Structure formats: structure tokens, C-alpha cells
Protein backbone atom coordinates (compact mmCIF):
# COMPACT_ATOMS: atom_id res chain seq x y z
CA MET A 1 -60.01 49.81 32.23
CA ARG A 2 -57.45 52.45 32.94
CA ILE A 3 -55.15 50.16 34.91
CA ARG A 4 -55.46 47.51 31.35
CA SER A 5 -54.54 50.22 29.47
CA VAL A 6 -51.46 51.44 31.47
CA LEU A 7 -50.48 47.33 32.32
CA SER A 8 -50.63 47.46 27.46
CA VAL A 9 -48.17 50.14 27.58
CA VAL A 10 -46.54 49.14 29.60
CA VAL A 11 -46.24 45.34 28.16
CA ALA A 12 -45.72 46.98 24.85
CA GLY A 13 -42.56 49.72 25.67
CA GLY A 14 -41.41 46.50 27.11
CA LEU A 15 -41.24 44.15 23.78
CA ILE A 16 -39.69 47.24 21.49
CA LEU A 17 -37.01 48.04 24.26
CA PHE A 18 -36.54 44.20 24.46
CA TRP A 19 -36.90 44.03 20.71
CA PRO A 20 -34.03 45.77 19.75
CA ALA A 21 -31.08 43.91 21.77
CA GLN A 22 -31.95 40.63 21.14
CA ALA A 23 -31.52 41.34 17.74
CA ALA A 24 -28.53 42.88 17.20
CA ALA A 25 -27.03 39.44 19.90
CA VAL A 26 -27.38 38.46 16.63
CA PRO A 27 -25.56 39.65 14.63
CA GLU A 28 -22.56 39.90 17.86
CA ALA A 29 -22.38 35.68 17.44
CA ARG A 30 -22.41 35.81 13.51
CA GLN A 31 -19.70 37.79 13.66
CA ASP A 32 -18.30 35.91 16.91
CA ALA A 33 -18.30 32.26 14.53
CA LEU A 34 -16.15 33.60 11.58
CA ALA A 35 -13.98 36.01 13.22
CA ALA A 36 -12.84 32.67 14.57
CA VAL A 37 -11.47 31.40 11.70
CA THR A 38 -9.23 34.04 9.40
CA ASP A 39 -7.14 34.28 6.78
CA VAL A 40 -5.10 37.10 8.84
CA VAL A 41 -2.03 35.20 10.90
CA ASP A 42 -0.55 37.63 14.03
CA TYR A 43 2.38 37.47 13.96
CA GLU A 44 5.47 37.97 16.50
CA CYS A 45 8.91 39.10 14.86
CA ALA A 46 12.49 38.84 16.19
CA THR A 47 15.25 40.01 14.86
CA LYS A 48 18.78 38.48 15.44
CA GLY A 49 20.85 41.77 17.98
CA ALA A 50 17.65 43.44 18.92
CA THR A 51 15.84 43.23 22.81
CA GLU A 52 12.60 44.53 20.49
CA LYS A 53 9.95 42.16 18.51
CA GLN A 54 7.64 43.80 16.31
CA GLN A 55 4.23 42.54 16.03
CA ILE A 56 2.78 42.25 12.49
CA LYS A 57 0.32 41.00 10.47
CA VAL A 58 -0.12 39.01 6.99
CA LYS A 59 -3.00 38.22 4.98
CA ILE A 60 -1.53 34.41 3.51
CA GLU A 61 -4.34 32.95 0.79
CA MET A 62 -2.99 29.43 0.49
CA THR A 63 -3.48 27.05 -2.88
CA MET A 64 -3.70 23.16 -2.05
CA PRO A 65 -2.29 20.92 -4.93
CA THR A 66 -4.28 18.29 -7.44
CA ASP A 67 -2.32 16.16 -8.05
CA ALA A 68 -0.92 15.20 -4.82
CA THR A 69 0.37 11.56 -5.20
CA ALA A 70 3.14 9.82 -2.75
CA GLY A 71 6.41 10.13 -3.08
CA THR A 72 6.48 13.16 -5.67
CA GLN A 73 7.18 15.75 -4.50
CA MET A 74 4.56 19.19 -4.46
CA SER A 75 4.04 22.22 -4.43
CA ILE A 76 1.91 24.67 -2.12
CA GLY A 77 0.46 28.11 -3.06
CA TRP A 78 1.78 30.39 -0.74
CA HIS A 79 0.62 34.79 -1.12
CA GLY A 80 0.66 37.18 1.55
CA THR A 81 -0.15 40.54 2.03
CA TYR A 82 -0.16 43.24 4.57
CA ALA A 83 -3.19 43.89 6.69
CA ASP A 84 -2.38 47.63 6.41
CA ASP A 85 0.56 49.68 7.15
CA ALA A 86 -0.06 50.39 10.35
CA THR A 87 0.78 46.39 11.21
CA ALA A 88 3.92 45.90 8.17
CA LEU A 89 6.98 44.59 9.33
CA ARG A 90 9.67 47.55 9.22
CA VAL A 91 13.94 46.86 8.37
CA PRO A 92 15.73 45.93 11.43
CA ALA A 93 19.08 48.17 11.50
CA THR A 94 20.95 44.73 11.29
CA VAL A 95 19.73 43.65 7.96
CA PRO A 96 22.63 42.39 6.05
CA ALA A 97 23.66 44.47 2.68
CA GLY A 98 22.26 43.57 -0.60
CA GLY A 99 18.90 41.90 0.20
CA ILE A 100 17.60 39.30 2.23
CA LYS A 101 15.37 36.22 1.46
CA LEU A 102 12.29 35.36 2.83
CA TYR A 103 11.43 31.31 4.09
CA ALA A 104 7.69 30.26 4.82
CA TYR A 105 6.61 27.81 6.42
CA ALA A 106 3.86 25.17 6.47
CA SER A 107 2.06 23.33 9.16
CA ILE A 108 0.52 19.77 7.68
CA SER A 109 -1.03 17.83 10.25
CA GLY A 110 -3.01 14.35 9.05
CA ILE A 111 -0.58 12.76 7.54
CA ASP A 112 2.77 10.49 9.29
CA GLN A 113 6.18 10.89 7.35
CA VAL A 114 5.53 14.16 5.90
CA SER A 115 8.52 16.66 4.82
CA SER A 116 8.91 20.62 5.64
CA ALA A 117 6.70 22.63 3.92
CA THR A 118 9.48 25.37 2.82
CA GLY A 119 9.33 28.09 0.03
CA VAL A 120 12.17 30.56 -0.11
CA ALA A 121 11.83 34.18 -2.68
CA GLU A 122 14.36 36.72 -3.64
CA LEU A 123 12.81 40.76 -1.27
CA ALA A 124 14.22 44.18 -2.91
CA ALA A 125 17.72 45.53 -0.48
CA LEU A 126 15.80 48.07 1.46
CA SER A 127 16.97 50.58 3.67
CA PRO A 128 15.89 50.40 7.84
CA GLY A 129 13.02 51.83 8.99
CA GLU A 130 11.54 50.33 5.62
CA ILE A 131 8.27 48.59 5.03
CA LEU A 132 9.63 45.33 4.36
CA PRO A 133 7.96 44.15 0.90
CA LEU A 134 6.27 40.92 0.42
CA PRO A 135 6.43 39.07 -2.40
CA GLN A 136 4.05 39.92 -4.55
CA ALA A 137 4.40 36.42 -6.77
CA THR A 138 3.47 33.05 -5.55
CA VAL A 139 5.35 31.44 -3.49
CA SER A 140 5.94 28.06 -4.15
CA LEU A 141 5.83 25.67 -0.43
CA LYS A 142 8.19 22.42 -1.19
CA THR A 143 7.22 19.21 0.92
CA LYS A 144 6.84 15.79 -0.49
CA SER A 145 4.82 12.40 2.06
CA LYS A 146 5.51 9.69 2.39
CA ASN A 147 1.68 7.77 3.17
CA ALA A 148 -1.23 8.41 0.82
CA GLY A 149 -4.40 10.41 2.70
CA THR A 150 -6.10 12.99 3.51
CA ALA A 151 -3.62 16.11 5.70
CA THR A 152 -4.56 19.67 7.19
CA VAL A 153 -3.08 23.10 5.90
CA LYS A 154 -2.54 26.14 7.57
CA PRO A 155 0.28 29.15 7.23
CA ALA A 156 3.36 28.81 9.86
CA ALA A 157 5.89 30.87 10.90
CA ILE A 158 7.60 33.60 8.58
CA ASN A 159 11.59 34.69 7.95
CA PHE A 160 14.01 36.56 7.01
CA GLY A 161 17.81 36.27 6.33
CA PRO A 162 20.64 35.46 3.73
CA LYS A 163 20.26 31.49 3.81
CA PRO A 164 17.38 29.09 6.05
CA ASP A 165 20.41 28.50 8.51
CA GLU A 166 21.87 32.13 8.49
CA ARG A 167 17.91 33.99 9.93
CA THR A 168 17.90 37.52 10.24
CA ILE A 169 14.18 38.49 11.81
CA GLU A 170 12.36 34.93 13.44
CA CYS A 171 8.77 35.78 12.98
CA GLU A 172 5.85 33.01 15.26
CA VAL A 173 2.94 32.10 14.34
CA ALA A 174 0.72 34.27 17.76
CA ASN A 175 -3.04 32.42 16.55
CA ALA A 176 -2.64 29.78 15.43
CA ASP A 177 -6.04 28.29 16.42
CA ALA A 178 -7.47 30.79 15.08
CA LEU A 179 -6.80 30.29 11.24
CA ARG A 180 -8.51 28.81 8.22
CA THR A 181 -6.61 25.33 7.66
CA TYR A 182 -6.59 24.07 4.42
CA THR A 183 -7.53 19.92 3.29
CA LEU A 184 -4.26 18.63 1.05
CA THR A 185 -5.28 15.22 -0.37
CA VAL A 186 -2.76 13.24 -1.22
CA ALA A 187 -3.40 10.13 -3.70
CA SER A 188 -1.37 6.68 -3.14
CA ALA A 189 1.59 6.42 -6.72
CA GLY A 190 -0.60 3.71 -8.55
CA GLY A 191 -3.69 7.37 -9.04
CA GLN A 192 -5.81 5.71 -6.19
CA GLN A 193 -6.17 3.86 -2.98
CA ALA A 194 -5.16 -0.12 -2.41
CA ASP A 195 -7.97 -2.45 -2.33
CA PRO A 196 -7.13 -6.07 -1.15
CA SER A 197 -10.52 -7.06 -3.73
CA THR A 198 -8.50 -6.01 -6.91
CA THR A 199 -5.41 -7.67 -6.50
CA PRO A 200 -4.87 -11.13 -8.71
CA SER A 201 -4.94 -14.73 -6.74
CA PRO A 202 -2.33 -17.29 -7.93
CA SER A 203 -3.10 -19.54 -9.80
CA PRO A 204 -3.66 -23.70 -8.93
CA SER A 205 -0.33 -25.57 -9.98
CA GLY A 206 0.93 -28.62 -7.85
CA THR A 207 3.19 -26.94 -5.78
CA PRO A 208 2.67 -27.34 -1.81
CA SER A 209 0.42 -24.79 -0.13
CA PRO A 210 2.97 -23.47 2.86
CA SER A 211 0.23 -22.71 4.95
CA GLY A 212 0.61 -26.51 6.16
CA THR A 213 -3.05 -26.95 5.33
CA PRO A 214 -2.37 -30.93 4.28
CA SER A 215 -2.83 -31.33 1.05
CA PRO A 216 -4.74 -34.48 -0.51
CA THR A 217 -2.15 -36.74 -0.48
CA PRO A 218 -2.57 -40.83 0.64
CA THR A 219 -3.45 -41.69 3.83
CA ALA A 220 -2.22 -44.82 6.59
CA SER A 221 -5.46 -46.74 5.41
CA SER A 222 -4.67 -46.50 1.29
CA LEU A 223 -1.11 -47.66 2.79
CA PRO A 224 -2.41 -51.61 2.12
CA THR A 225 -2.84 -51.09 -0.79
CA HIS A 226 0.09 -49.55 -2.66
CA THR A 227 2.01 -52.26 -1.07
CA VAL A 228 -0.14 -55.12 -2.64
CA THR A 229 0.48 -53.23 -6.28
CA ALA A 230 3.50 -53.12 -5.27
CA THR A 231 3.96 -57.44 -4.49
CA VAL A 232 1.98 -57.53 -8.08
CA THR A 233 4.51 -55.42 -9.56
CA ALA A 234 8.21 -57.86 -8.12
CA SER A 235 6.74 -60.43 -9.07
CA VAL A 236 6.23 -60.20 -12.63
CA GLU A 237 9.56 -58.73 -13.06
CA GLU A 238 11.35 -61.08 -11.15
CA VAL A 239 9.85 -63.65 -13.58
CA PRO A 240 12.40 -65.27 -16.00
CA ASP A 241 12.91 -64.14 -19.87
CA GLU A 242 12.90 -67.55 -21.03
CA ARG A 243 9.60 -68.75 -19.24
CA MET A 244 8.12 -65.87 -21.35
CA LYS A 245 8.71 -66.75 -25.01
CA THR A 246 7.85 -69.28 -26.73
CA PRO A 247 9.93 -70.83 -29.59
CA VAL A 248 9.16 -69.97 -32.57
CA GLY A 249 6.34 -72.91 -34.84
CA GLY A 250 6.35 -74.65 -31.52
CA ALA A 251 3.27 -75.48 -29.27
CA ALA A 252 1.91 -72.59 -26.67
CA THR A 253 1.15 -74.98 -24.21
CA GLY A 254 2.67 -78.46 -22.44
CA GLY A 255 6.09 -79.00 -21.61
CA GLY A 256 7.13 -80.81 -25.66
CA GLY A 257 5.99 -76.66 -26.94
CA GLU A 258 10.42 -76.17 -25.46
CA ALA A 259 10.99 -79.09 -27.53
CA GLY A 260 9.64 -78.23 -31.09
CA PRO A 261 9.02 -80.75 -33.64
CA ASP A 262 11.73 -82.23 -34.18
CA GLY A 263 11.97 -83.91 -30.66
CA ARG A 264 8.81 -85.04 -31.01
CA MET A 265 9.93 -87.17 -33.58
CA ILE A 266 12.74 -88.58 -32.47
CA VAL A 267 10.58 -89.68 -29.05
CA LEU A 268 8.58 -91.22 -31.57
CA ILE A 269 10.28 -93.02 -33.42
CA GLY A 270 12.35 -93.26 -29.84
CA THR A 271 9.14 -95.05 -28.51
CA VAL A 272 8.47 -97.12 -31.53
CA LEU A 273 12.26 -99.10 -31.74
CA THR A 274 11.52 -99.26 -27.76
CA LEU A 275 8.04 -101.53 -28.89
CA ALA A 276 9.45 -102.89 -31.55
CA ALA A 277 12.94 -105.08 -29.37
CA ALA A 278 10.12 -106.11 -26.72
CA THR A 279 8.52 -107.28 -29.06
CA GLY A 280 11.07 -109.04 -30.50
CA LEU A 281 12.48 -110.97 -27.31
CA LEU A 282 9.15 -111.72 -25.51
CA LEU A 283 8.29 -113.29 -29.68
CA ARG A 284 12.15 -115.27 -28.88
CA ARG A 285 10.71 -116.34 -25.41
CA ARG A 286 8.61 -118.53 -26.80
CA SER A 287 10.72 -119.35 -29.53
CA LEU A 288 13.10 -120.58 -27.20
CA HIS A 289 10.28 -122.51 -24.91
CA ARG A 290 8.55 -124.54 -27.18
CA GLY A 291 11.48 -126.12 -28.87
């Protein structure tokens, strides 16, 4: 009994010691997962004419446009604040007199032919060694996409200088893989993706199809029929016009119809005279024989 009691105490003590370690391991894993995506950008800044570099941290919030359209310029909102004063950017000794400008950039991937997203903001003139303040207002990053689709956006470099090509301070991202990403949806020029099923089909016409599909034209077997028809038509057209005409008042058929009523009378009279002459000659011969 004593041995069983000792074993129970040992097992219970081990579970008590083991449980807090496992319970603490879960929150740590969650914290690591949350730390993998962050709005805080680690920048390494190099100043023109200086060898030393500054390591700064900027918390950046970006706002995506809701009406982005292919072929039309769009604006991406950019707002940055230092994580703390210890990691803020200090004005270098080589800063130009009269103030400088902030040039902010965004990385866009997932769509081809997208222009660089760039924004600019005026900064007040400060003395060397002071914290270089970031603009309090949201900076508009201008960009344009020739194609529609869905893109991934995240913060990119920031530069400082009087002009885009005259950079006094250049800050490059050091933790690009750990940054939070944003989704940018770009619609087509018509406001929606093209649907091939809605494309109107051409109306039927008598124009032959250019695709080479045989059209319902007469085949070789029907050519003799067309030839016979052409022959009959040609024979009808070759009939002289006078054969098709009937004299007014004449008979519909027969050769006498072409002579007319006057011709028939002349023929009849000639026939009668011929018969009379023949009869007279016959009677004269008989009278001579008798005499």
C-alpha cells in the first residue's frame, strides 16, 4: 500500500510540473504565428555622403481603392508612424537646407503591366539630429494597371530628398517576408470581367463564311440540269419574232392564216376560173370531134 501511495504522488507531481510548461507553449506558438505578419516595417536607411546607416521601424497602414479599374489611375492610401522614438529616423547633417520630401512606394504583384505605386509629401525643415517627422495625413500612392485581376500589395521603400532622382536618404525594407499584405482588385474597363457567352453573334447573311465551310451551292451532279435549262431557254429565244405573231383577224393555225381573208378569195376565184377554162376546153374538143 505504501508503494502504491508513493507512486501516485510521484505521477501526480510529474503531471503538475509538466502541465504548466505545455500550457505556456501554446500561447508562445500563437505569438510566433502573430509575429509572422506585422504592420511594422524594418528599414535600413543610408544617407548620401555618410558611411553610417540608421535602423528604423515604421508602422504602415495601407488602404486599397474600391473602384480600381484597368487603364485608369488609382490611389493607394499610405500612412506611417514610428514604432517609438528610439527607432525613429534622425535628420542627417547633410540634409539640404529648405526642407525635404518623403517619397513612399508600394510593392504590387500578381498583375502584369502595373506602374510603380509612388506618393510624395512635403516635410518641414528641421535641424540635424532631430527626429524627421512623418506626414500626419495619408499619402496617396498613384498607380495604373493595364490589366484586370487581383494583386497583392505591401509596403516598400521610402526615400527622402528634394526630388525623386535626388535622394538624400534611402530606406530599404529589411523584413519584406514578414509584412502584412493587402488585396487589390482591379476590374476591367467595363466594370466586370469579359464573358464570352454575352458576346453577340453575327446575324445571318448571304455573305460566304470565311472559315472555308462549304455553302449550299449546286454540286457537280446538278450541273446537267442547269445545262438543259440553259439550252431550252436559248432555243426559245432563237425563234424568229414573225413566227410568234398572228395577223389581226387571221386564223390561229395553218399556212393560210398568214395570207389573210383577201388571199383566200383570190385563190378561190383563181381555182374557179381554172376549172371553168378547163371545162370550156373539154366541151370545145368534143364539139370538134362531132363536127
